[in-house]
Every structure is written in C-alpha cells, then in structure tokens.
C-alpha cells in the first residue's frame, strides 16, 4: 500500500518540527511525489546532508512503500 501525502508530511514534521512542508502528488497515482521542505535544521548543511536528513525522517520507507520523492530543501532566509 503506497504512502499518502499526509503520512509523508507527518514523518518529516515529526523529525523536523519547525519545517514548512509542501507535498505534491506528481502523477496522481499516490506513488510519485515532490516535497519542498524549509527548516532551520538545514542551515549550514550541504544539499546531500539535507536530503539525508529527510530520508532518515522517512524511516526506511523510501524506495519501498514510497517509490519516488523529488526533494527541494532549504534553510529559511
């Protein structure tokens, strides 16, 4: 069973409570998502480190229950 956008958002917010998270279902199939995440926790981190933080927040669901997730991450201005 695929994850829904609300589940993805909640996992990310559980790990990054200050985050602003916008999830978009790219194909309308509940299997391909894009996420825009802004969090102060990303400040000073490389893009790879930021993405690793998001993958860790997803608790092993990436590549399994969650098939595809395009990420845009940033620290707040």
N, C-alpha and C. Protein backbone atom coordinates (compact mmCIF):
# COMPACT_ATOMS: atom_id res chain seq x y z
N UNK A 1 0.84 -1.18 0.00
CA UNK A 1 0.00 0.00 0.00
C UNK A 1 0.89 1.24 0.00
N UNK A 2 0.70 2.15 -0.96
CA UNK A 2 1.52 3.36 -1.02
C UNK A 2 1.24 4.30 0.15
N UNK A 3 2.20 5.19 0.39
CA UNK A 3 2.00 6.22 1.41
C UNK A 3 1.21 7.36 0.80
N UNK A 4 0.48 8.08 1.65
CA UNK A 4 -0.19 9.26 1.13
C UNK A 4 0.59 10.51 1.56
N UNK A 5 0.26 11.63 0.95
CA UNK A 5 0.98 12.89 1.19
C UNK A 5 0.96 13.28 2.67
N UNK A 6 -0.15 13.06 3.32
CA UNK A 6 -0.26 13.42 4.73
C UNK A 6 0.71 12.62 5.59
N UNK A 7 0.87 11.33 5.30
CA UNK A 7 1.82 10.49 6.04
C UNK A 7 3.25 10.96 5.83
N UNK A 8 3.59 11.29 4.60
CA UNK A 8 4.93 11.78 4.29
C UNK A 8 5.20 13.06 5.06
N UNK A 9 4.26 13.99 4.99
CA UNK A 9 4.40 15.26 5.70
C UNK A 9 4.56 15.04 7.20
N UNK A 10 3.78 14.16 7.77
CA UNK A 10 3.84 13.94 9.22
C UNK A 10 5.18 13.35 9.64
N UNK A 11 5.71 12.40 8.89
CA UNK A 11 7.02 11.83 9.22
C UNK A 11 8.10 12.91 9.19
N UNK A 12 8.05 13.77 8.19
CA UNK A 12 9.05 14.84 8.09
C UNK A 12 8.89 15.82 9.23
N UNK A 13 7.66 16.21 9.56
CA UNK A 13 7.43 17.16 10.64
C UNK A 13 7.76 16.56 12.01
N UNK A 14 7.60 15.26 12.15
CA UNK A 14 8.00 14.61 13.41
C UNK A 14 9.50 14.75 13.64
N UNK A 15 10.28 14.63 12.56
CA UNK A 15 11.74 14.72 12.67
C UNK A 15 12.24 16.15 12.64
N UNK A 16 11.52 17.02 11.92
CA UNK A 16 11.92 18.42 11.77
C UNK A 16 10.72 19.30 12.14
N UNK A 17 10.45 19.47 13.43
CA UNK A 17 9.21 20.12 13.87
C UNK A 17 9.00 21.55 13.35
N UNK A 18 10.08 22.26 13.06
CA UNK A 18 9.94 23.63 12.58
C UNK A 18 9.70 23.71 11.08
N UNK A 19 9.75 22.59 10.40
CA UNK A 19 9.73 22.58 8.94
C UNK A 19 8.41 23.04 8.34
N UNK A 20 8.54 23.75 7.24
CA UNK A 20 7.41 24.02 6.36
C UNK A 20 7.51 22.96 5.28
N UNK A 21 6.45 22.17 5.11
CA UNK A 21 6.48 21.04 4.19
C UNK A 21 5.32 21.16 3.21
N UNK A 22 5.63 21.08 1.92
CA UNK A 22 4.62 21.07 0.88
C UNK A 22 4.85 19.80 0.05
N UNK A 23 3.84 18.95 0.01
CA UNK A 23 3.93 17.69 -0.72
C UNK A 23 3.00 17.78 -1.93
N UNK A 24 3.50 17.34 -3.08
CA UNK A 24 2.70 17.33 -4.30
C UNK A 24 2.74 15.92 -4.90
N UNK A 25 1.57 15.38 -5.21
CA UNK A 25 1.46 14.09 -5.90
C UNK A 25 1.66 14.36 -7.39
N UNK A 26 2.80 13.98 -7.92
CA UNK A 26 3.18 14.35 -9.28
C UNK A 26 2.37 13.67 -10.37
N UNK A 27 2.01 12.41 -10.15
CA UNK A 27 1.34 11.64 -11.20
C UNK A 27 -0.11 11.33 -10.86
N UNK A 28 -0.53 11.72 -9.66
CA UNK A 28 -1.90 11.41 -9.25
C UNK A 28 -2.10 9.94 -8.92
N UNK A 29 -0.98 9.22 -8.75
CA UNK A 29 -1.08 7.78 -8.51
C UNK A 29 -0.71 7.39 -7.08
N UNK A 30 -0.42 8.39 -6.23
CA UNK A 30 -0.04 8.10 -4.86
C UNK A 30 1.30 7.40 -4.75
N UNK A 31 2.12 7.49 -5.80
CA UNK A 31 3.38 6.76 -5.83
C UNK A 31 4.58 7.63 -6.20
N UNK A 32 4.32 8.80 -6.77
CA UNK A 32 5.38 9.71 -7.20
C UNK A 32 5.09 11.10 -6.63
N UNK A 33 5.94 11.53 -5.71
CA UNK A 33 5.72 12.79 -5.01
C UNK A 33 6.89 13.74 -5.17
N UNK A 34 6.62 15.01 -4.95
CA UNK A 34 7.65 16.03 -4.80
C UNK A 34 7.42 16.68 -3.44
N UNK A 35 8.51 17.03 -2.78
CA UNK A 35 8.41 17.69 -1.47
C UNK A 35 9.31 18.91 -1.45
N UNK A 36 8.76 20.02 -0.99
CA UNK A 36 9.53 21.23 -0.73
C UNK A 36 9.55 21.41 0.79
N UNK A 37 10.75 21.43 1.34
CA UNK A 37 10.90 21.46 2.79
C UNK A 37 11.86 22.58 3.17
N UNK A 38 11.41 23.44 4.07
CA UNK A 38 12.24 24.52 4.59
C UNK A 38 12.35 24.32 6.10
N UNK A 39 13.59 24.23 6.59
CA UNK A 39 13.81 24.01 8.02
C UNK A 39 15.12 24.65 8.45
N UNK A 40 15.12 25.25 9.63
CA UNK A 40 16.34 25.82 10.20
C UNK A 40 17.38 24.73 10.45
N UNK A 41 16.94 23.50 10.61
CA UNK A 41 17.87 22.38 10.83
C UNK A 41 18.79 22.17 9.63
N UNK A 42 18.41 22.69 8.46
CA UNK A 42 19.23 22.54 7.25
C UNK A 42 20.35 23.57 7.16
N UNK A 43 20.28 24.59 8.00
CA UNK A 43 21.28 25.67 7.94
C UNK A 43 22.69 25.10 8.15
N UNK A 44 23.60 25.46 7.23
CA UNK A 44 24.99 25.01 7.34
C UNK A 44 25.23 23.61 6.81
N UNK A 45 24.19 22.95 6.33
CA UNK A 45 24.31 21.59 5.81
C UNK A 45 24.36 21.64 4.28
N UNK A 46 25.09 20.69 3.69
CA UNK A 46 25.10 20.58 2.24
C UNK A 46 23.76 20.03 1.77
N UNK A 47 23.49 20.16 0.49
CA UNK A 47 22.24 19.64 -0.08
C UNK A 47 22.14 18.13 0.17
N UNK A 48 23.24 17.42 0.02
CA UNK A 48 23.23 15.97 0.27
C UNK A 48 22.87 15.69 1.73
N UNK A 49 23.46 16.42 2.65
CA UNK A 49 23.15 16.22 4.07
C UNK A 49 21.69 16.54 4.37
N UNK A 50 21.16 17.58 3.74
CA UNK A 50 19.75 17.93 3.93
C UNK A 50 18.86 16.78 3.46
N UNK A 51 19.15 16.24 2.30
CA UNK A 51 18.35 15.15 1.75
C UNK A 51 18.48 13.90 2.62
N UNK A 52 19.67 13.65 3.14
CA UNK A 52 19.85 12.52 4.04
C UNK A 52 19.00 12.67 5.30
N UNK A 53 18.85 13.88 5.78
CA UNK A 53 18.01 14.14 6.96
C UNK A 53 16.55 13.80 6.65
N UNK A 54 16.10 14.17 5.44
CA UNK A 54 14.72 13.86 5.05
C UNK A 54 14.54 12.35 4.90
N UNK A 55 15.50 11.69 4.25
CA UNK A 55 15.40 10.23 4.09
C UNK A 55 15.35 9.54 5.46
N UNK A 56 16.15 10.02 6.40
CA UNK A 56 16.14 9.45 7.76
C UNK A 56 14.77 9.65 8.40
N UNK A 57 14.15 10.81 8.16
CA UNK A 57 12.83 11.09 8.71
C UNK A 57 11.78 10.13 8.17
N UNK A 58 11.99 9.64 6.96
CA UNK A 58 11.02 8.74 6.33
C UNK A 58 11.13 7.30 6.84
N UNK A 59 12.07 7.06 7.73
CA UNK A 59 12.18 5.79 8.47
C UNK A 59 12.18 4.55 7.58
N UNK A 60 13.01 4.57 6.54
CA UNK A 60 13.18 3.40 5.70
C UNK A 60 12.09 3.17 4.67
N UNK A 61 11.14 4.07 4.57
CA UNK A 61 10.05 3.89 3.60
C UNK A 61 10.46 4.27 2.18
N UNK A 62 11.53 5.07 2.03
CA UNK A 62 11.97 5.48 0.70
C UNK A 62 12.47 4.28 -0.07
N UNK A 63 11.98 4.12 -1.29
CA UNK A 63 12.39 3.01 -2.13
C UNK A 63 11.56 1.76 -1.90
N UNK A 64 10.71 1.79 -0.92
CA UNK A 64 9.82 0.66 -0.64
C UNK A 64 8.39 1.12 -0.81
N UNK A 65 7.74 1.40 0.30
CA UNK A 65 6.36 1.89 0.28
C UNK A 65 6.28 3.22 -0.49
N UNK A 66 7.31 4.03 -0.34
CA UNK A 66 7.38 5.31 -1.04
C UNK A 66 8.32 5.14 -2.22
N UNK A 67 7.75 5.08 -3.42
CA UNK A 67 8.52 4.74 -4.62
C UNK A 67 9.43 5.87 -5.08
N UNK A 68 8.90 7.09 -5.20
CA UNK A 68 9.69 8.20 -5.74
C UNK A 68 9.34 9.50 -5.04
N UNK A 69 10.39 10.22 -4.64
CA UNK A 69 10.19 11.50 -3.96
C UNK A 69 11.26 12.48 -4.45
N UNK A 70 10.85 13.48 -5.19
CA UNK A 70 11.76 14.54 -5.62
C UNK A 70 11.83 15.57 -4.50
N UNK A 71 13.04 15.91 -4.08
CA UNK A 71 13.21 16.81 -2.94
C UNK A 71 13.76 18.17 -3.34
N UNK A 72 13.21 19.21 -2.73
CA UNK A 72 13.78 20.54 -2.73
C UNK A 72 13.86 20.93 -1.26
N UNK A 73 15.08 21.18 -0.78
CA UNK A 73 15.27 21.53 0.62
C UNK A 73 16.00 22.85 0.72
N UNK A 74 15.73 23.57 1.82
CA UNK A 74 16.39 24.85 2.03
C UNK A 74 16.25 25.25 3.49
N UNK A 75 17.19 26.10 3.93
CA UNK A 75 17.06 26.74 5.23
C UNK A 75 16.27 28.04 5.02
N UNK A 76 15.57 28.51 6.04
CA UNK A 76 14.82 29.76 5.88
C UNK A 76 15.78 30.94 5.67
N UNK A 77 15.28 31.97 5.02
CA UNK A 77 16.10 33.19 4.79
C UNK A 77 16.41 33.88 6.08
